[in-house]
């Protein structure tokens, strides 16, 4: 399964919201430097989807706010 995620770094809190079109909007409190925000997004998605972090792979958008993740089942 692939999901599209819009990331908002440097937010006040960490949260996940699912939009009307099924895309995820993830707010993370860490800055977008050296992969910190990407790591936090993976951590939050693993908790939300109740799967291991190792089953989530960033496919596209490493330095972008729009990201594409692959979720292994």
PDB file of N, CA and C in Angstrom:
ATOM      1  N   UNK A   1       0.851  -1.167   0.000  1.00  0.00           N
ATOM      2  CA  UNK A   1       0.000   0.000   0.000  1.00  0.00           C
ATOM      3  C   UNK A   1       0.900   1.236   0.000  1.00  0.00           C
ATOM      4  N   UNK A   2       0.499   2.254  -0.733  1.00  0.00           N
ATOM      5  CA  UNK A   2       1.240   3.512  -0.768  1.00  0.00           C
ATOM      6  C   UNK A   2       0.341   4.623  -0.245  1.00  0.00           C
ATOM      7  N   UNK A   3       0.929   5.520   0.538  1.00  0.00           N
ATOM      8  CA  UNK A   3       0.167   6.658   1.053  1.00  0.00           C
ATOM      9  C   UNK A   3       0.920   7.948   0.782  1.00  0.00           C
ATOM     10  N   UNK A   4       0.161   9.004   0.557  1.00  0.00           N
ATOM     11  CA  UNK A   4       0.724  10.333   0.362  1.00  0.00           C
ATOM     12  C   UNK A   4       0.609  11.091   1.677  1.00  0.00           C
ATOM     13  N   UNK A   5       1.692  11.754   2.058  1.00  0.00           N
ATOM     14  CA  UNK A   5       1.745  12.464   3.332  1.00  0.00           C
ATOM     15  C   UNK A   5       2.224  13.888   3.088  1.00  0.00           C
ATOM     16  N   UNK A   6       1.492  14.846   3.644  1.00  0.00           N
ATOM     17  CA  UNK A   6       1.937  16.238   3.634  1.00  0.00           C
ATOM     18  C   UNK A   6       2.466  16.534   5.034  1.00  0.00           C
ATOM     19  N   UNK A   7       3.713  16.966   5.111  1.00  0.00           N
ATOM     20  CA  UNK A   7       4.377  17.163   6.400  1.00  0.00           C
ATOM     21  C   UNK A   7       4.496  18.649   6.714  1.00  0.00           C
ATOM     22  N   UNK A   8       4.207  18.987   7.962  1.00  0.00           N
ATOM     23  CA  UNK A   8       4.389  20.355   8.451  1.00  0.00           C
ATOM     24  C   UNK A   8       5.397  20.304   9.604  1.00  0.00           C
ATOM     25  N   UNK A   9       6.668  20.590   9.317  1.00  0.00           N
ATOM     26  CA  UNK A   9       7.687  20.554  10.372  1.00  0.00           C
ATOM     27  C   UNK A   9       7.617  21.788  11.276  1.00  0.00           C
ATOM     28  N   UNK A  10       8.318  21.734  12.390  1.00  0.00           N
ATOM     29  CA  UNK A  10       8.378  22.837  13.363  1.00  0.00           C
ATOM     30  C   UNK A  10       7.008  23.231  13.910  1.00  0.00           C
ATOM     31  N   UNK A  11       6.101  22.271  14.023  1.00  0.00           N
ATOM     32  CA  UNK A  11       4.781  22.543  14.592  1.00  0.00           C
ATOM     33  C   UNK A  11       4.870  22.519  16.119  1.00  0.00           C
ATOM     34  N   UNK A  12       3.831  22.976  16.763  1.00  0.00           N
ATOM     35  CA  UNK A  12       3.813  22.972  18.231  1.00  0.00           C
ATOM     36  C   UNK A  12       3.663  21.567  18.794  1.00  0.00           C
ATOM     37  N   UNK A  13       2.969  20.710  18.046  1.00  0.00           N
ATOM     38  CA  UNK A  13       2.701  19.361  18.535  1.00  0.00           C
ATOM     39  C   UNK A  13       2.869  18.346  17.420  1.00  0.00           C
ATOM     40  N   UNK A  14       2.935  17.095  17.798  1.00  0.00           N
ATOM     41  CA  UNK A  14       2.981  16.003  16.830  1.00  0.00           C
ATOM     42  C   UNK A  14       1.554  15.483  16.663  1.00  0.00           C
ATOM     43  N   UNK A  15       1.071  15.441  15.427  1.00  0.00           N
ATOM     44  CA  UNK A  15      -0.282  14.941  15.197  1.00  0.00           C
ATOM     45  C   UNK A  15      -0.429  14.413  13.781  1.00  0.00           C
ATOM     46  N   UNK A  16      -1.453  13.575  13.600  1.00  0.00           N
ATOM     47  CA  UNK A  16      -1.777  13.014  12.290  1.00  0.00           C
ATOM     48  C   UNK A  16      -3.250  13.262  12.029  1.00  0.00           C
ATOM     49  N   UNK A  17      -3.538  13.718  10.819  1.00  0.00           N
ATOM     50  CA  UNK A  17      -4.923  13.949  10.405  1.00  0.00           C
ATOM     51  C   UNK A  17      -5.088  13.338   9.018  1.00  0.00           C
ATOM     52  N   UNK A  18      -6.206  12.644   8.798  1.00  0.00           N
ATOM     53  CA  UNK A  18      -6.478  12.069   7.493  1.00  0.00           C
ATOM     54  C   UNK A  18      -7.486  12.970   6.788  1.00  0.00           C
ATOM     55  N   UNK A  19      -7.103  13.442   5.587  1.00  0.00           N
ATOM     56  CA  UNK A  19      -7.956  14.343   4.825  1.00  0.00           C
ATOM     57  C   UNK A  19      -9.095  13.616   4.132  1.00  0.00           C
ATOM     58  N   UNK A  20      -9.969  14.388   3.509  1.00  0.00           N
ATOM     59  CA  UNK A  20     -11.132  13.835   2.817  1.00  0.00           C
ATOM     60  C   UNK A  20     -10.727  12.914   1.665  1.00  0.00           C
ATOM     61  N   UNK A  21      -9.613  13.230   1.009  1.00  0.00           N
ATOM     62  CA  UNK A  21      -9.169  12.438  -0.136  1.00  0.00           C
ATOM     63  C   UNK A  21      -8.317  11.238   0.272  1.00  0.00           C
ATOM     64  N   UNK A  22      -8.170  10.987   1.568  1.00  0.00           N
ATOM     65  CA  UNK A  22      -7.402   9.840   2.049  1.00  0.00           C
ATOM     66  C   UNK A  22      -5.930  10.118   2.266  1.00  0.00           C
ATOM     67  N   UNK A  23      -5.479  11.320   1.953  1.00  0.00           N
ATOM     68  CA  UNK A  23      -4.086  11.686   2.191  1.00  0.00           C
ATOM     69  C   UNK A  23      -3.893  12.046   3.661  1.00  0.00           C
ATOM     70  N   UNK A  24      -2.693  11.845   4.132  1.00  0.00           N
ATOM     71  CA  UNK A  24      -2.364  12.132   5.528  1.00  0.00           C
ATOM     72  C   UNK A  24      -1.722  13.506   5.637  1.00  0.00           C
ATOM     73  N   UNK A  25      -2.052  14.217   6.712  1.00  0.00           N
ATOM     74  CA  UNK A  25      -1.380  15.464   7.048  1.00  0.00           C
ATOM     75  C   UNK A  25      -0.741  15.240   8.414  1.00  0.00           C
ATOM     76  N   UNK A  26       0.590  15.317   8.444  1.00  0.00           N
ATOM     77  CA  UNK A  26       1.326  15.024   9.675  1.00  0.00           C
ATOM     78  C   UNK A  26       2.068  16.271  10.125  1.00  0.00           C
ATOM     79  N   UNK A  27       1.846  16.654  11.376  1.00  0.00           N
ATOM     80  CA  UNK A  27       2.570  17.774  11.974  1.00  0.00           C
ATOM     81  C   UNK A  27       3.610  17.202  12.923  1.00  0.00           C
ATOM     82  N   UNK A  28       4.851  17.669  12.771  1.00  0.00           N
ATOM     83  CA  UNK A  28       5.930  17.210  13.651  1.00  0.00           C
ATOM     84  C   UNK A  28       6.605  18.418  14.292  1.00  0.00           C
ATOM     85  N   UNK A  29       7.058  18.227  15.518  1.00  0.00           N
ATOM     86  CA  UNK A  29       7.645  19.335  16.281  1.00  0.00           C
ATOM     87  C   UNK A  29       9.140  19.499  16.020  1.00  0.00           C
ATOM     88  N   UNK A  30       9.723  18.644  15.216  1.00  0.00           N
ATOM     89  CA  UNK A  30      11.164  18.711  14.949  1.00  0.00           C
ATOM     90  C   UNK A  30      11.441  19.464  13.647  1.00  0.00           C
ATOM     91  N   UNK A  31      12.639  20.033  13.521  1.00  0.00           N
ATOM     92  CA  UNK A  31      12.983  20.769  12.296  1.00  0.00           C
ATOM     93  C   UNK A  31      13.306  19.825  11.139  1.00  0.00           C
ATOM     94  N   UNK A  32      13.168  20.301   9.915  1.00  0.00           N
ATOM     95  CA  UNK A  32      13.440  19.458   8.745  1.00  0.00           C
ATOM     96  C   UNK A  32      14.920  19.445   8.375  1.00  0.00           C
ATOM     97  N   UNK A  33      15.751  18.959   9.263  1.00  0.00           N
ATOM     98  CA  UNK A  33      17.186  18.917   8.981  1.00  0.00           C
ATOM     99  C   UNK A  33      17.746  17.537   9.295  1.00  0.00           C
ATOM    100  N   UNK A  34      18.628  17.059   8.428  1.00  0.00           N
ATOM    101  CA  UNK A  34      19.312  15.771   8.587  1.00  0.00           C
ATOM    102  C   UNK A  34      18.356  14.604   8.788  1.00  0.00           C
ATOM    103  N   UNK A  35      17.170  14.665   8.176  1.00  0.00           N
ATOM    104  CA  UNK A  35      16.224  13.553   8.231  1.00  0.00           C
ATOM    105  C   UNK A  35      15.449  13.418   9.524  1.00  0.00           C
ATOM    106  N   UNK A  36      15.569  14.394  10.430  1.00  0.00           N
ATOM    107  CA  UNK A  36      14.875  14.309  11.717  1.00  0.00           C
ATOM    108  C   UNK A  36      13.357  14.294  11.536  1.00  0.00           C
ATOM    109  N   UNK A  37      12.845  15.158  10.668  1.00  0.00           N
ATOM    110  CA  UNK A  37      11.397  15.228  10.447  1.00  0.00           C
ATOM    111  C   UNK A  37      10.898  13.941   9.798  1.00  0.00           C
ATOM    112  N   UNK A  38      11.639  13.404   8.837  1.00  0.00           N
ATOM    113  CA  UNK A  38      11.238  12.153   8.182  1.00  0.00           C
ATOM    114  C   UNK A  38      11.189  11.010   9.188  1.00  0.00           C
ATOM    115  N   UNK A  39      12.164  10.939  10.071  1.00  0.00           N
ATOM    116  CA  UNK A  39      12.194   9.887  11.091  1.00  0.00           C
ATOM    117  C   UNK A  39      10.996  10.013  12.030  1.00  0.00           C
ATOM    118  N   UNK A  40      10.652  11.245  12.393  1.00  0.00           N
ATOM    119  CA  UNK A  40       9.506  11.464  13.289  1.00  0.00           C
ATOM    120  C   UNK A  40       8.202  11.095  12.598  1.00  0.00           C
ATOM    121  N   UNK A  41       8.086  11.398  11.308  1.00  0.00           N
ATOM    122  CA  UNK A  41       6.885  11.033  10.545  1.00  0.00           C
ATOM    123  C   UNK A  41       6.730   9.512  10.531  1.00  0.00           C
ATOM    124  N   UNK A  42       7.813   8.796  10.287  1.00  0.00           N
ATOM    125  CA  UNK A  42       7.760   7.331  10.273  1.00  0.00           C
ATOM    126  C   UNK A  42       7.355   6.801  11.647  1.00  0.00           C
ATOM    127  N   UNK A  43       7.890   7.410  12.696  1.00  0.00           N
ATOM    128  CA  UNK A  43       7.534   6.997  14.067  1.00  0.00           C
ATOM    129  C   UNK A  43       6.042   7.202  14.326  1.00  0.00           C
ATOM    130  N   UNK A  44       5.508   8.358  13.945  1.00  0.00           N
ATOM    131  CA  UNK A  44       4.092   8.639  14.165  1.00  0.00           C
ATOM    132  C   UNK A  44       3.188   7.734  13.327  1.00  0.00           C
ATOM    133  N   UNK A  45       3.578   7.493  12.078  1.00  0.00           N
ATOM    134  CA  UNK A  45       2.785   6.601  11.220  1.00  0.00           C
ATOM    135  C   UNK A  45       2.768   5.179  11.770  1.00  0.00           C
ATOM    136  N   UNK A  46       3.890   4.723  12.309  1.00  0.00           N
ATOM    137  CA  UNK A  46       3.931   3.362  12.849  1.00  0.00           C
ATOM    138  C   UNK A  46       3.002   3.225  14.055  1.00  0.00           C
ATOM    139  N   UNK A  47       2.922   4.255  14.872  1.00  0.00           N
ATOM    140  CA  UNK A  47       2.005   4.219  16.019  1.00  0.00           C
ATOM    141  C   UNK A  47       0.555   4.270  15.553  1.00  0.00           C
ATOM    142  N   UNK A  48       0.267   5.136  14.590  1.00  0.00           N
ATOM    143  CA  UNK A  48      -1.099   5.304  14.082  1.00  0.00           C
ATOM    144  C   UNK A  48      -1.597   4.029  13.395  1.00  0.00           C
ATOM    145  N   UNK A  49      -0.744   3.419  12.583  1.00  0.00           N
ATOM    146  CA  UNK A  49      -1.140   2.236  11.813  1.00  0.00           C
ATOM    147  C   UNK A  49      -0.875   0.928  12.556  1.00  0.00           C
ATOM    148  N   UNK A  50      -0.234   1.030  13.729  1.00  0.00           N
ATOM    149  CA  UNK A  50       0.080  -0.129  14.574  1.00  0.00           C
ATOM    150  C   UNK A  50       0.906  -1.169  13.824  1.00  0.00           C
ATOM    151  N   UNK A  51       1.985  -0.687  13.197  1.00  0.00           N
ATOM    152  CA  UNK A  51       2.923  -1.566  12.508  1.00  0.00           C
ATOM    153  C   UNK A  51       4.346  -1.153  12.895  1.00  0.00           C
ATOM    154  N   UNK A  52       5.304  -2.007  12.597  1.00  0.00           N
ATOM    155  CA  UNK A  52       6.701  -1.718  12.912  1.00  0.00           C
ATOM    156  C   UNK A  52       7.240  -0.615  11.998  1.00  0.00           C
ATOM    157  N   UNK A  53       8.152   0.187  12.522  1.00  0.00           N
ATOM    158  CA  UNK A  53       8.767   1.257  11.725  1.00  0.00           C
ATOM    159  C   UNK A  53       9.494   0.696  10.517  1.00  0.00           C
ATOM    160  N   UNK A  54      10.018  -0.504  10.629  1.00  0.00           N
ATOM    161  CA  UNK A  54      10.766  -1.122   9.529  1.00  0.00           C
ATOM    162  C   UNK A  54       9.882  -1.461   8.331  1.00  0.00           C
ATOM    163  N   UNK A  55       8.572  -1.452   8.519  1.00  0.00           N
ATOM    164  CA  UNK A  55       7.647  -1.752   7.426  1.00  0.00           C
ATOM    165  C   UNK A  55       7.211  -0.498   6.670  1.00  0.00           C
ATOM    166  N   UNK A  56       7.761   0.662   7.046  1.00  0.00           N
ATOM    167  CA  UNK A  56       7.432   1.934   6.386  1.00  0.00           C
ATOM    168  C   UNK A  56       8.678   2.429   5.669  1.00  0.00           C
ATOM    169  N   UNK A  57       8.543   2.672   4.369  1.00  0.00           N
ATOM    170  CA  UNK A  57       9.674   3.115   3.558  1.00  0.00           C
ATOM    171  C   UNK A  57       9.317   4.410   2.837  1.00  0.00           C
ATOM    172  N   UNK A  58      10.193   5.387   2.910  1.00  0.00           N
ATOM    173  CA  UNK A  58      10.018   6.635   2.177  1.00  0.00           C
ATOM    174  C   UNK A  58      10.445   6.414   0.734  1.00  0.00           C
ATOM    175  N   UNK A  59       9.493   6.534  -0.195  1.00  0.00           N
ATOM    176  CA  UNK A  59       9.785   6.307  -1.607  1.00  0.00           C
ATOM    177  C   UNK A  59      10.168   7.590  -2.330  1.00  0.00           C
ATOM    178  N   UNK A  60       9.514   8.689  -1.978  1.00  0.00           N
ATOM    179  CA  UNK A  60       9.671   9.915  -2.746  1.00  0.00           C
ATOM    180  C   UNK A  60       9.462  11.124  -1.835  1.00  0.00           C
ATOM    181  N   UNK A  61      10.249  12.180  -2.043  1.00  0.00           N
ATOM    182  CA  UNK A  61      10.034  13.427  -1.315  1.00  0.00           C
ATOM    183  C   UNK A  61      10.870  13.596  -0.071  1.00  0.00           C
ATOM    184  N   UNK A  62      12.087  13.097  -0.082  1.00  0.00           N
ATOM    185  CA  UNK A  62      12.940  13.177   1.108  1.00  0.00           C
ATOM    186  C   UNK A  62      13.136  14.617   1.582  1.00  0.00           C
ATOM    187  N   UNK A  63      13.277  15.561   0.648  1.00  0.00           N
ATOM    188  CA  UNK A  63      13.500  16.966   1.010  1.00  0.00           C
ATOM    189  C   UNK A  63      12.278  17.831   0.714  1.00  0.00           C
ATOM    190  N   UNK A  64      11.137  17.209   0.503  1.00  0.00           N
ATOM    191  CA  UNK A  64       9.912  17.928   0.158  1.00  0.00           C
ATOM    192  C   UNK A  64       8.877  17.768   1.269  1.00  0.00           C
ATOM    193  N   UNK A  65       7.886  18.636   1.276  1.00  0.00           N
ATOM    194  CA  UNK A  65       6.799  18.483   2.253  1.00  0.00           C
ATOM    195  C   UNK A  65       5.805  17.418   1.818  1.00  0.00           C
ATOM    196  N   UNK A  66       5.718  17.178   0.517  1.00  0.00           N
ATOM    197  CA  UNK A  66       4.855  16.127  -0.030  1.00  0.00           C
ATOM    198  C   UNK A  66       5.685  14.856  -0.140  1.00  0.00           C
ATOM    199  N   UNK A  67       5.275  13.800   0.552  1.00  0.00           N
ATOM    200  CA  UNK A  67       6.048  12.572   0.581  1.00  0.00           C
ATOM    201  C   UNK A  67       5.174  11.381   0.189  1.00  0.00           C
ATOM    202  N   UNK A  68       5.815  10.357  -0.352  1.00  0.00           N
ATOM    203  CA  UNK A  68       5.144   9.127  -0.709  1.00  0.00           C
ATOM    204  C   UNK A  68       5.805   8.000   0.080  1.00  0.00           C
ATOM    205  N   UNK A  69       4.998   7.296   0.867  1.00  0.00           N
ATOM    206  CA  UNK A  69       5.495   6.187   1.691  1.00  0.00           C
ATOM    207  C   UNK A  69       4.904   4.875   1.216  1.00  0.00           C
ATOM    208  N   UNK A  70       5.706   3.821   1.324  1.00  0.00           N
ATOM    209  CA  UNK A  70       5.243   2.464   1.047  1.00  0.00           C
ATOM    210  C   UNK A  70       5.054   1.779   2.390  1.00  0.00           C
ATOM    211  N   UNK A  71       3.880   1.179   2.587  1.00  0.00           N
ATOM    212  CA  UNK A  71       3.561   0.483   3.814  1.00  0.00           C
ATOM    213  C   UNK A  71       3.483  -1.010   3.498  1.00  0.00           C
ATOM    214  N   UNK A  72       4.356  -1.793   4.110  1.00  0.00           N
ATOM    215  CA  UNK A  72       4.314  -3.252   3.926  1.00  0.00           C
ATOM    216  C   UNK A  72       3.320  -3.839   4.900  1.00  0.00           C
ATOM    217  N   UNK A  73       2.612  -4.855   4.439  1.00  0.00           N
ATOM    218  CA  UNK A  73       1.606  -5.480   5.301  1.00  0.00           C
ATOM    219  C   UNK A  73       1.990  -6.854   5.742  1.00  0.00           C
TER     220      UNK A  73
END
